[in-house]
C-alpha cells in the first residue's frame, strides 16, 4: 500500500493567517469602510462582529473538524460523512466556487499590480482628480490583453510564493 506524502503547515501562525485570509477575503477589506459608512457606521460594525462570532467562527471550526476527521477533499468528505446521500454535490460546488473566486480576484489583483507599477514609475505624479483617476482606470480596463497579462503575472506570483 502506497502512502501519500501530505503537506503540513510550518506552524500555527501560518495556518491562522491563511485561514483568516481565506475567511475574511479581499472583499471585506476592499469595501468594508464604504459598506460600514453606508449602513450605519458603528451599529453595522457591531452587527458584523456579532455575525462573525455567531455564524462565521462556528462554520470555520466545523469545516476544520470535518477536514481533520475525514482527511479527504470536500467531495470525499461528504461521501464519507453521509454515504449514499446526495450531498457530495455540495463538495463539488465548493470546489467550483473556489475557481470562481480565484478568477474574480485574479483580475482585481492584476489591477492592483498595474497600480503598483504606476506608483513606482511615477504614473501618479501631479494632481489626481476623480476625472483623471477614472481615465486611468478606463484606459487600463479597455485593453483585454493587458488584463489577461496582469492576471497571469498575479497567478504566477501566487504559484511562486
C-alpha atoms as a PDB file:
ATOM      1  CA  UNK A   1       0.000   0.000   0.000  1.00  0.00           C
ATOM      2  CA  UNK A   2       1.444   3.344  -1.054  1.00  0.00           C
ATOM      3  CA  UNK A   3       1.360   6.198   1.381  1.00  0.00           C
ATOM      4  CA  UNK A   4       0.744   9.711   0.187  1.00  0.00           C
ATOM      5  CA  UNK A   5       3.025  12.467   1.370  1.00  0.00           C
ATOM      6  CA  UNK A   6       0.677  15.181   2.629  1.00  0.00           C
ATOM      7  CA  UNK A   7       1.784  18.747   3.086  1.00  0.00           C
ATOM      8  CA  UNK A   8       1.719  20.297   6.519  1.00  0.00           C
ATOM      9  CA  UNK A   9       1.694  23.821   7.847  1.00  0.00           C
ATOM     10  CA  UNK A  10       5.056  25.037   9.074  1.00  0.00           C
ATOM     11  CA  UNK A  11       3.445  26.449  12.192  1.00  0.00           C
ATOM     12  CA  UNK A  12       0.231  27.584  13.816  1.00  0.00           C
ATOM     13  CA  UNK A  13       0.736  31.211  12.806  1.00  0.00           C
ATOM     14  CA  UNK A  14       0.955  30.354   9.106  1.00  0.00           C
ATOM     15  CA  UNK A  15      -2.223  28.311   9.329  1.00  0.00           C
ATOM     16  CA  UNK A  16      -4.074  31.020  11.256  1.00  0.00           C
ATOM     17  CA  UNK A  17      -3.038  33.688   8.738  1.00  0.00           C
ATOM     18  CA  UNK A  18      -4.034  31.515   5.762  1.00  0.00           C
ATOM     19  CA  UNK A  19      -7.378  30.566   7.306  1.00  0.00           C
ATOM     20  CA  UNK A  20      -8.080  34.179   8.278  1.00  0.00           C
ATOM     21  CA  UNK A  21      -7.185  35.443   4.817  1.00  0.00           C
ATOM     22  CA  UNK A  22      -9.441  32.855   3.240  1.00  0.00           C
ATOM     23  CA  UNK A  23     -12.335  33.569   5.582  1.00  0.00           C
ATOM     24  CA  UNK A  24     -12.038  37.358   5.554  1.00  0.00           C
ATOM     25  CA  UNK A  25     -11.422  37.741   1.858  1.00  0.00           C
ATOM     26  CA  UNK A  26     -10.330  40.739  -0.128  1.00  0.00           C
ATOM     27  CA  UNK A  27     -13.909  41.940  -0.494  1.00  0.00           C
ATOM     28  CA  UNK A  28     -14.213  42.614   3.224  1.00  0.00           C
ATOM     29  CA  UNK A  29     -11.009  44.637   3.237  1.00  0.00           C
ATOM     30  CA  UNK A  30     -11.702  46.364  -0.058  1.00  0.00           C
ATOM     31  CA  UNK A  31     -15.268  47.557   0.552  1.00  0.00           C
ATOM     32  CA  UNK A  32     -15.679  47.362   4.311  1.00  0.00           C
ATOM     33  CA  UNK A  33     -15.176  51.070   5.130  1.00  0.00           C
ATOM     34  CA  UNK A  34     -17.644  52.113   2.418  1.00  0.00           C
ATOM     35  CA  UNK A  35     -20.199  49.450   3.380  1.00  0.00           C
ATOM     36  CA  UNK A  36     -19.946  50.303   7.075  1.00  0.00           C
ATOM     37  CA  UNK A  37     -20.372  54.014   6.369  1.00  0.00           C
ATOM     38  CA  UNK A  38     -23.379  53.460   4.114  1.00  0.00           C
ATOM     39  CA  UNK A  39     -25.111  51.099   6.539  1.00  0.00           C
ATOM     40  CA  UNK A  40     -24.989  52.719   9.939  1.00  0.00           C
ATOM     41  CA  UNK A  41     -21.339  53.008  10.928  1.00  0.00           C
ATOM     42  CA  UNK A  42     -20.777  51.670  14.433  1.00  0.00           C
ATOM     43  CA  UNK A  43     -24.081  49.770  14.533  1.00  0.00           C
ATOM     44  CA  UNK A  44     -23.112  47.978  11.315  1.00  0.00           C
ATOM     45  CA  UNK A  45     -19.694  47.071  12.721  1.00  0.00           C
ATOM     46  CA  UNK A  46     -21.266  45.682  15.919  1.00  0.00           C
ATOM     47  CA  UNK A  47     -23.738  43.561  13.937  1.00  0.00           C
ATOM     48  CA  UNK A  48     -20.962  42.443  11.606  1.00  0.00           C
ATOM     49  CA  UNK A  49     -18.800  41.302  14.521  1.00  0.00           C
ATOM     50  CA  UNK A  50     -21.773  39.562  16.115  1.00  0.00           C
ATOM     51  CA  UNK A  51     -22.421  37.589  12.904  1.00  0.00           C
ATOM     52  CA  UNK A  52     -18.731  36.709  12.644  1.00  0.00           C
ATOM     53  CA  UNK A  53     -18.786  35.272  16.169  1.00  0.00           C
ATOM     54  CA  UNK A  54     -22.200  33.574  15.906  1.00  0.00           C
ATOM     55  CA  UNK A  55     -22.002  32.250  12.315  1.00  0.00           C
ATOM     56  CA  UNK A  56     -18.517  32.666  10.842  1.00  0.00           C
ATOM     57  CA  UNK A  57     -16.333  31.159  13.554  1.00  0.00           C
ATOM     58  CA  UNK A  58     -18.567  28.088  14.115  1.00  0.00           C
ATOM     59  CA  UNK A  59     -18.638  27.398  10.355  1.00  0.00           C
ATOM     60  CA  UNK A  60     -14.848  27.649  10.084  1.00  0.00           C
ATOM     61  CA  UNK A  61     -14.448  25.328  13.083  1.00  0.00           C
ATOM     62  CA  UNK A  62     -16.952  22.861  11.581  1.00  0.00           C
ATOM     63  CA  UNK A  63     -15.093  22.886   8.266  1.00  0.00           C
ATOM     64  CA  UNK A  64     -11.785  22.299  10.033  1.00  0.00           C
ATOM     65  CA  UNK A  65     -13.285  19.476  12.088  1.00  0.00           C
ATOM     66  CA  UNK A  66     -14.729  17.732   9.024  1.00  0.00           C
ATOM     67  CA  UNK A  67     -11.427  18.080   7.182  1.00  0.00           C
ATOM     68  CA  UNK A  68      -9.415  16.781  10.105  1.00  0.00           C
ATOM     69  CA  UNK A  69     -11.783  13.863  10.730  1.00  0.00           C
ATOM     70  CA  UNK A  70     -12.113  12.697   7.113  1.00  0.00           C
ATOM     71  CA  UNK A  71      -8.665  13.663   5.746  1.00  0.00           C
ATOM     72  CA  UNK A  72     -10.375  13.963   2.342  1.00  0.00           C
ATOM     73  CA  UNK A  73     -11.248  16.592  -0.242  1.00  0.00           C
ATOM     74  CA  UNK A  74     -14.683  18.246   0.010  1.00  0.00           C
ATOM     75  CA  UNK A  75     -16.431  15.688  -2.223  1.00  0.00           C
ATOM     76  CA  UNK A  76     -14.847  12.734  -0.428  1.00  0.00           C
ATOM     77  CA  UNK A  77     -15.641  14.252   2.965  1.00  0.00           C
ATOM     78  CA  UNK A  78     -19.353  14.484   2.160  1.00  0.00           C
ATOM     79  CA  UNK A  79     -19.318  10.927   0.787  1.00  0.00           C
ATOM     80  CA  UNK A  80     -17.631   9.631   3.937  1.00  0.00           C
ATOM     81  CA  UNK A  81     -19.884  11.539   6.344  1.00  0.00           C
ATOM     82  CA  UNK A  82     -23.106  10.576   4.575  1.00  0.00           C
ATOM     83  CA  UNK A  83     -22.592   7.513   2.350  1.00  0.00           C
ATOM     84  CA  UNK A  84     -25.204   7.076  -0.358  1.00  0.00           C
ATOM     85  CA  UNK A  85     -26.682  10.549   0.117  1.00  0.00           C
ATOM     86  CA  UNK A  86     -26.985  13.269  -2.481  1.00  0.00           C
ATOM     87  CA  UNK A  87     -24.784  15.700  -0.506  1.00  0.00           C
ATOM     88  CA  UNK A  88     -21.464  15.182  -2.377  1.00  0.00           C
ATOM     89  CA  UNK A  89     -22.652  17.731  -4.963  1.00  0.00           C
ATOM     90  CA  UNK A  90     -22.164  20.330  -2.238  1.00  0.00           C
ATOM     91  CA  UNK A  91     -18.465  19.441  -2.087  1.00  0.00           C
ATOM     92  CA  UNK A  92     -18.263  19.844  -5.874  1.00  0.00           C
ATOM     93  CA  UNK A  93     -19.977  23.215  -5.577  1.00  0.00           C
ATOM     94  CA  UNK A  94     -17.381  24.289  -3.009  1.00  0.00           C
ATOM     95  CA  UNK A  95     -14.565  23.387  -5.385  1.00  0.00           C
ATOM     96  CA  UNK A  96     -16.226  25.223  -8.299  1.00  0.00           C
ATOM     97  CA  UNK A  97     -16.803  28.236  -6.058  1.00  0.00           C
ATOM     98  CA  UNK A  98     -13.083  28.324  -5.289  1.00  0.00           C
ATOM     99  CA  UNK A  99     -12.309  28.517  -9.009  1.00  0.00           C
ATOM    100  CA  UNK A 100     -14.840  31.321  -9.441  1.00  0.00           C
ATOM    101  CA  UNK A 101     -13.343  33.301  -6.573  1.00  0.00           C
ATOM    102  CA  UNK A 102      -9.842  32.762  -7.973  1.00  0.00           C
ATOM    103  CA  UNK A 103     -10.936  34.049 -11.391  1.00  0.00           C
ATOM    104  CA  UNK A 104     -12.580  37.159  -9.921  1.00  0.00           C
ATOM    105  CA  UNK A 105      -9.829  38.119  -7.510  1.00  0.00           C
ATOM    106  CA  UNK A 106      -7.049  37.380 -10.004  1.00  0.00           C
ATOM    107  CA  UNK A 107      -8.363  40.154 -12.235  1.00  0.00           C
ATOM    108  CA  UNK A 108      -8.615  42.613  -9.339  1.00  0.00           C
ATOM    109  CA  UNK A 109      -5.160  41.638  -8.068  1.00  0.00           C
ATOM    110  CA  UNK A 110      -3.848  42.216 -11.599  1.00  0.00           C
ATOM    111  CA  UNK A 111      -5.291  45.725 -11.487  1.00  0.00           C
ATOM    112  CA  UNK A 112      -3.539  46.212  -8.156  1.00  0.00           C
ATOM    113  CA  UNK A 113      -0.226  45.193  -9.731  1.00  0.00           C
ATOM    114  CA  UNK A 114      -0.816  47.737 -12.502  1.00  0.00           C
ATOM    115  CA  UNK A 115      -1.491  50.498  -9.965  1.00  0.00           C
ATOM    116  CA  UNK A 116       1.625  49.450  -8.032  1.00  0.00           C
ATOM    117  CA  UNK A 117       3.665  49.680 -11.237  1.00  0.00           C
ATOM    118  CA  UNK A 118       2.197  53.119 -11.969  1.00  0.00           C
ATOM    119  CA  UNK A 119       3.034  54.300  -8.442  1.00  0.00           C
ATOM    120  CA  UNK A 120       6.625  53.045  -8.659  1.00  0.00           C
ATOM    121  CA  UNK A 121       7.242  54.532 -12.114  1.00  0.00           C
ATOM    122  CA  UNK A 122       5.754  57.935 -11.262  1.00  0.00           C
ATOM    123  CA  UNK A 123       2.439  57.467 -13.049  1.00  0.00           C
ATOM    124  CA  UNK A 124       0.647  59.225 -10.221  1.00  0.00           C
ATOM    125  CA  UNK A 125       2.711  62.412 -10.327  1.00  0.00           C
ATOM    126  CA  UNK A 126       0.715  65.589 -10.315  1.00  0.00           C
ATOM    127  CA  UNK A 127      -2.826  66.115  -9.161  1.00  0.00           C
ATOM    128  CA  UNK A 128      -5.063  63.060  -9.381  1.00  0.00           C
ATOM    129  CA  UNK A 129      -8.624  64.281  -9.720  1.00  0.00           C
ATOM    130  CA  UNK A 130     -11.605  61.927  -9.905  1.00  0.00           C
ATOM    131  CA  UNK A 131     -11.693  62.511 -13.665  1.00  0.00           C
ATOM    132  CA  UNK A 132      -8.005  61.602 -14.072  1.00  0.00           C
ATOM    133  CA  UNK A 133      -8.496  58.548 -11.873  1.00  0.00           C
ATOM    134  CA  UNK A 134     -11.462  57.417 -13.980  1.00  0.00           C
ATOM    135  CA  UNK A 135      -9.498  57.990 -17.188  1.00  0.00           C
ATOM    136  CA  UNK A 136      -6.587  55.889 -15.875  1.00  0.00           C
ATOM    137  CA  UNK A 137      -8.930  53.073 -14.873  1.00  0.00           C
ATOM    138  CA  UNK A 138     -10.783  53.125 -18.189  1.00  0.00           C
ATOM    139  CA  UNK A 139      -7.539  53.099 -20.179  1.00  0.00           C
ATOM    140  CA  UNK A 140      -6.334  50.081 -18.200  1.00  0.00           C
ATOM    141  CA  UNK A 141      -9.597  48.121 -18.425  1.00  0.00           C
ATOM    142  CA  UNK A 142     -10.202  48.893 -22.115  1.00  0.00           C
ATOM    143  CA  UNK A 143      -7.319  46.614 -23.149  1.00  0.00           C
ATOM    144  CA  UNK A 144      -8.318  42.967 -22.576  1.00  0.00           C
ATOM    145  CA  UNK A 145      -4.795  41.715 -23.336  1.00  0.00           C
ATOM    146  CA  UNK A 146      -3.392  43.897 -20.562  1.00  0.00           C
ATOM    147  CA  UNK A 147      -5.953  42.441 -18.136  1.00  0.00           C
ATOM    148  CA  UNK A 148      -5.020  38.893 -19.177  1.00  0.00           C
ATOM    149  CA  UNK A 149      -1.312  39.672 -18.836  1.00  0.00           C
ATOM    150  CA  UNK A 150      -1.729  41.248 -15.382  1.00  0.00           C
ATOM    151  CA  UNK A 151      -3.894  38.359 -14.206  1.00  0.00           C
ATOM    152  CA  UNK A 152      -1.250  35.933 -15.473  1.00  0.00           C
ATOM    153  CA  UNK A 153       1.504  37.789 -13.618  1.00  0.00           C
ATOM    154  CA  UNK A 154      -0.543  37.629 -10.423  1.00  0.00           C
ATOM    155  CA  UNK A 155      -1.204  33.897 -10.837  1.00  0.00           C
ATOM    156  CA  UNK A 156       2.487  33.208 -11.487  1.00  0.00           C
ATOM    157  CA  UNK A 157       3.448  35.223  -8.396  1.00  0.00           C
ATOM    158  CA  UNK A 158       0.863  33.278  -6.391  1.00  0.00           C
ATOM    159  CA  UNK A 159       2.265  29.945  -7.573  1.00  0.00           C
ATOM    160  CA  UNK A 160       5.852  31.011  -6.845  1.00  0.00           C
ATOM    161  CA  UNK A 161       5.033  32.320  -3.380  1.00  0.00           C
END
